[in-house]
C-alpha cells in the first residue's frame, strides 16, 4: 500500500533549474526521514539530500549550495529544488522513505542535463 511517486524530471540545459516532487501515500509521512538518491549512467547510486521528520537536512558534497530539499507534511510531499544544473547531475532520481527498519523506494524520475 505504501507508494512513493516521483515527478518533475526532464531534459534541461546546463545552468537551468528543476524541481522534483515525491508524493507519498500509505505511511505516516511526518514520522519518516525522506531522501533523494540518484544514479547516473555507469555510476553507483548516491544519496543527494536528506530531510528528517523534524526538518533537519543533509546534502551530498556534489550538490551543496545548489540543491535544496524540503517537505510538506500536510500534503505528504518531499521536494528537491535543483539549481545550476550540470551535466554530471544527469541520472535517475529516486525518492526514499525510512523509519526504523522500514524503507521504501519510488521508481525514479529521469533528469538529463545536456547542451
C-alpha atoms as a PDB file:
ATOM      1  CA  UNK A   1       0.000   0.000   0.000  1.00  0.00           C
ATOM      2  CA  UNK A   2       2.968   2.313   0.521  1.00  0.00           C
ATOM      3  CA  UNK A   3       3.787   4.242  -2.617  1.00  0.00           C
ATOM      4  CA  UNK A   4       6.346   6.890  -3.461  1.00  0.00           C
ATOM      5  CA  UNK A   5       5.793   8.548  -6.810  1.00  0.00           C
ATOM      6  CA  UNK A   6       8.363  10.945  -8.237  1.00  0.00           C
ATOM      7  CA  UNK A   7       7.699  13.563 -10.861  1.00  0.00           C
ATOM      8  CA  UNK A   8       9.294  16.641 -12.367  1.00  0.00           C
ATOM      9  CA  UNK A   9      12.208  15.155 -14.241  1.00  0.00           C
ATOM     10  CA  UNK A  10      13.071  16.127 -17.774  1.00  0.00           C
ATOM     11  CA  UNK A  11      15.669  17.486 -20.159  1.00  0.00           C
ATOM     12  CA  UNK A  12      17.327  20.777 -19.240  1.00  0.00           C
ATOM     13  CA  UNK A  13      20.342  22.798 -20.304  1.00  0.00           C
ATOM     14  CA  UNK A  14      23.362  23.309 -18.039  1.00  0.00           C
ATOM     15  CA  UNK A  15      22.745  26.153 -15.622  1.00  0.00           C
ATOM     16  CA  UNK A  16      18.988  25.712 -15.579  1.00  0.00           C
ATOM     17  CA  UNK A  17      16.819  24.677 -12.641  1.00  0.00           C
ATOM     18  CA  UNK A  18      14.373  21.894 -11.985  1.00  0.00           C
ATOM     19  CA  UNK A  19      12.111  20.865  -9.110  1.00  0.00           C
ATOM     20  CA  UNK A  20      11.390  17.234  -8.348  1.00  0.00           C
ATOM     21  CA  UNK A  21       8.426  16.095  -6.275  1.00  0.00           C
ATOM     22  CA  UNK A  22       7.763  12.860  -4.454  1.00  0.00           C
ATOM     23  CA  UNK A  23       4.251  12.138  -3.268  1.00  0.00           C
ATOM     24  CA  UNK A  24       3.981   9.532  -0.530  1.00  0.00           C
ATOM     25  CA  UNK A  25       0.923   7.517   0.393  1.00  0.00           C
ATOM     26  CA  UNK A  26       0.167   4.685   2.769  1.00  0.00           C
ATOM     27  CA  UNK A  27       2.545   5.779   5.507  1.00  0.00           C
ATOM     28  CA  UNK A  28       2.726   8.193   8.418  1.00  0.00           C
ATOM     29  CA  UNK A  29       4.688  10.666   6.366  1.00  0.00           C
ATOM     30  CA  UNK A  30       5.768  13.095   9.067  1.00  0.00           C
ATOM     31  CA  UNK A  31       7.444  10.294  11.015  1.00  0.00           C
ATOM     32  CA  UNK A  32       9.731   9.274   8.151  1.00  0.00           C
ATOM     33  CA  UNK A  33      13.075  10.558   7.086  1.00  0.00           C
ATOM     34  CA  UNK A  34      12.882  11.354   3.381  1.00  0.00           C
ATOM     35  CA  UNK A  35      15.798  11.319   0.999  1.00  0.00           C
ATOM     36  CA  UNK A  36      16.647  11.753  -2.644  1.00  0.00           C
ATOM     37  CA  UNK A  37      19.120   9.437  -4.331  1.00  0.00           C
ATOM     38  CA  UNK A  38      20.401   9.421  -7.857  1.00  0.00           C
ATOM     39  CA  UNK A  39      22.155   7.023 -10.160  1.00  0.00           C
ATOM     40  CA  UNK A  40      23.905   8.360 -13.224  1.00  0.00           C
ATOM     41  CA  UNK A  41      24.870   6.325 -16.271  1.00  0.00           C
ATOM     42  CA  UNK A  42      27.625   3.931 -15.273  1.00  0.00           C
ATOM     43  CA  UNK A  43      27.588   5.309 -11.734  1.00  0.00           C
ATOM     44  CA  UNK A  44      26.753   3.926  -8.326  1.00  0.00           C
ATOM     45  CA  UNK A  45      23.653   5.109  -6.552  1.00  0.00           C
ATOM     46  CA  UNK A  46      24.403   8.025  -4.262  1.00  0.00           C
ATOM     47  CA  UNK A  47      22.462   9.987  -1.693  1.00  0.00           C
ATOM     48  CA  UNK A  48      21.791  13.525  -2.833  1.00  0.00           C
ATOM     49  CA  UNK A  49      19.889  15.006   0.093  1.00  0.00           C
ATOM     50  CA  UNK A  50      18.006  14.012   3.201  1.00  0.00           C
ATOM     51  CA  UNK A  51      15.416  15.640   5.409  1.00  0.00           C
ATOM     52  CA  UNK A  52      14.219  14.277   8.735  1.00  0.00           C
ATOM     53  CA  UNK A  53      10.701  14.480  10.034  1.00  0.00           C
ATOM     54  CA  UNK A  54      11.853  17.366  12.199  1.00  0.00           C
ATOM     55  CA  UNK A  55      13.246  19.282   9.242  1.00  0.00           C
ATOM     56  CA  UNK A  56      16.978  18.684   9.626  1.00  0.00           C
ATOM     57  CA  UNK A  57      18.737  18.417   6.283  1.00  0.00           C
ATOM     58  CA  UNK A  58      21.904  16.929   4.840  1.00  0.00           C
ATOM     59  CA  UNK A  59      23.344  17.270   1.350  1.00  0.00           C
ATOM     60  CA  UNK A  60      25.856  15.396  -0.683  1.00  0.00           C
ATOM     61  CA  UNK A  61      29.105  17.209  -1.366  1.00  0.00           C
ATOM     62  CA  UNK A  62      28.482  17.387  -5.102  1.00  0.00           C
ATOM     63  CA  UNK A  63      25.218  19.320  -4.727  1.00  0.00           C
ATOM     64  CA  UNK A  64      25.847  21.590  -1.758  1.00  0.00           C
ATOM     65  CA  UNK A  65      24.885  25.221  -2.415  1.00  0.00           C
ATOM     66  CA  UNK A  66      22.923  24.157  -5.496  1.00  0.00           C
ATOM     67  CA  UNK A  67      20.168  21.819  -4.258  1.00  0.00           C
ATOM     68  CA  UNK A  68      17.560  22.239  -1.544  1.00  0.00           C
ATOM     69  CA  UNK A  69      15.342  19.580  -0.012  1.00  0.00           C
ATOM     70  CA  UNK A  70      12.053  20.421   1.652  1.00  0.00           C
ATOM     71  CA  UNK A  71       8.857  18.711   2.710  1.00  0.00           C
ATOM     72  CA  UNK A  72       5.183  19.481   3.120  1.00  0.00           C
ATOM     73  CA  UNK A  73       3.801  17.212   5.803  1.00  0.00           C
ATOM     74  CA  UNK A  74       0.228  18.324   5.102  1.00  0.00           C
ATOM     75  CA  UNK A  75       0.439  17.132   1.506  1.00  0.00           C
ATOM     76  CA  UNK A  76       2.852  14.219   2.076  1.00  0.00           C
ATOM     77  CA  UNK A  77       5.292  15.611  -0.458  1.00  0.00           C
ATOM     78  CA  UNK A  78       9.054  15.977  -0.458  1.00  0.00           C
ATOM     79  CA  UNK A  79      10.731  18.283  -2.962  1.00  0.00           C
ATOM     80  CA  UNK A  80      14.175  18.620  -4.419  1.00  0.00           C
ATOM     81  CA  UNK A  81      14.950  22.068  -5.798  1.00  0.00           C
ATOM     82  CA  UNK A  82      17.871  21.774  -8.176  1.00  0.00           C
ATOM     83  CA  UNK A  83      19.666  24.919  -9.321  1.00  0.00           C
ATOM     84  CA  UNK A  84      22.595  25.499 -11.649  1.00  0.00           C
ATOM     85  CA  UNK A  85      22.335  22.006 -13.037  1.00  0.00           C
ATOM     86  CA  UNK A  86      25.410  20.394 -14.521  1.00  0.00           C
ATOM     87  CA  UNK A  87      25.787  17.508 -16.972  1.00  0.00           C
ATOM     88  CA  UNK A  88      27.108  15.354 -14.142  1.00  0.00           C
ATOM     89  CA  UNK A  89      23.746  15.750 -12.390  1.00  0.00           C
ATOM     90  CA  UNK A  90      22.213  13.552 -15.070  1.00  0.00           C
ATOM     91  CA  UNK A  91      20.642  10.374 -13.776  1.00  0.00           C
ATOM     92  CA  UNK A  92      17.603   8.677 -12.368  1.00  0.00           C
ATOM     93  CA  UNK A  93      16.445  10.391  -9.200  1.00  0.00           C
ATOM     94  CA  UNK A  94      14.736   8.196  -6.642  1.00  0.00           C
ATOM     95  CA  UNK A  95      12.697   9.046  -3.597  1.00  0.00           C
ATOM     96  CA  UNK A  96      13.345   7.147  -0.385  1.00  0.00           C
ATOM     97  CA  UNK A  97      11.458   6.947   2.910  1.00  0.00           C
ATOM     98  CA  UNK A  98      12.975   5.445   6.027  1.00  0.00           C
ATOM     99  CA  UNK A  99      11.839   4.903   9.586  1.00  0.00           C
ATOM    100  CA  UNK A 100      13.410   2.360  11.885  1.00  0.00           C
ATOM    101  CA  UNK A 101      13.575  -0.904   9.954  1.00  0.00           C
ATOM    102  CA  UNK A 102      11.065   0.181   7.315  1.00  0.00           C
ATOM    103  CA  UNK A 103      12.322   1.511   3.992  1.00  0.00           C
ATOM    104  CA  UNK A 104      10.505   2.323   0.770  1.00  0.00           C
ATOM    105  CA  UNK A 105      11.588   3.438  -2.679  1.00  0.00           C
ATOM    106  CA  UNK A 106       9.980   5.153  -5.588  1.00  0.00           C
ATOM    107  CA  UNK A 107      10.624   4.061  -9.150  1.00  0.00           C
ATOM    108  CA  UNK A 108      12.516   7.175 -10.121  1.00  0.00           C
ATOM    109  CA  UNK A 109      12.331  10.094 -12.496  1.00  0.00           C
ATOM    110  CA  UNK A 110      14.894  10.824 -15.187  1.00  0.00           C
ATOM    111  CA  UNK A 111      16.866  14.064 -15.153  1.00  0.00           C
ATOM    112  CA  UNK A 112      19.030  14.811 -18.159  1.00  0.00           C
ATOM    113  CA  UNK A 113      21.283  17.859 -18.257  1.00  0.00           C
ATOM    114  CA  UNK A 114      22.716  18.393 -21.699  1.00  0.00           C
ATOM    115  CA  UNK A 115      23.578  21.194 -24.071  1.00  0.00           C
END
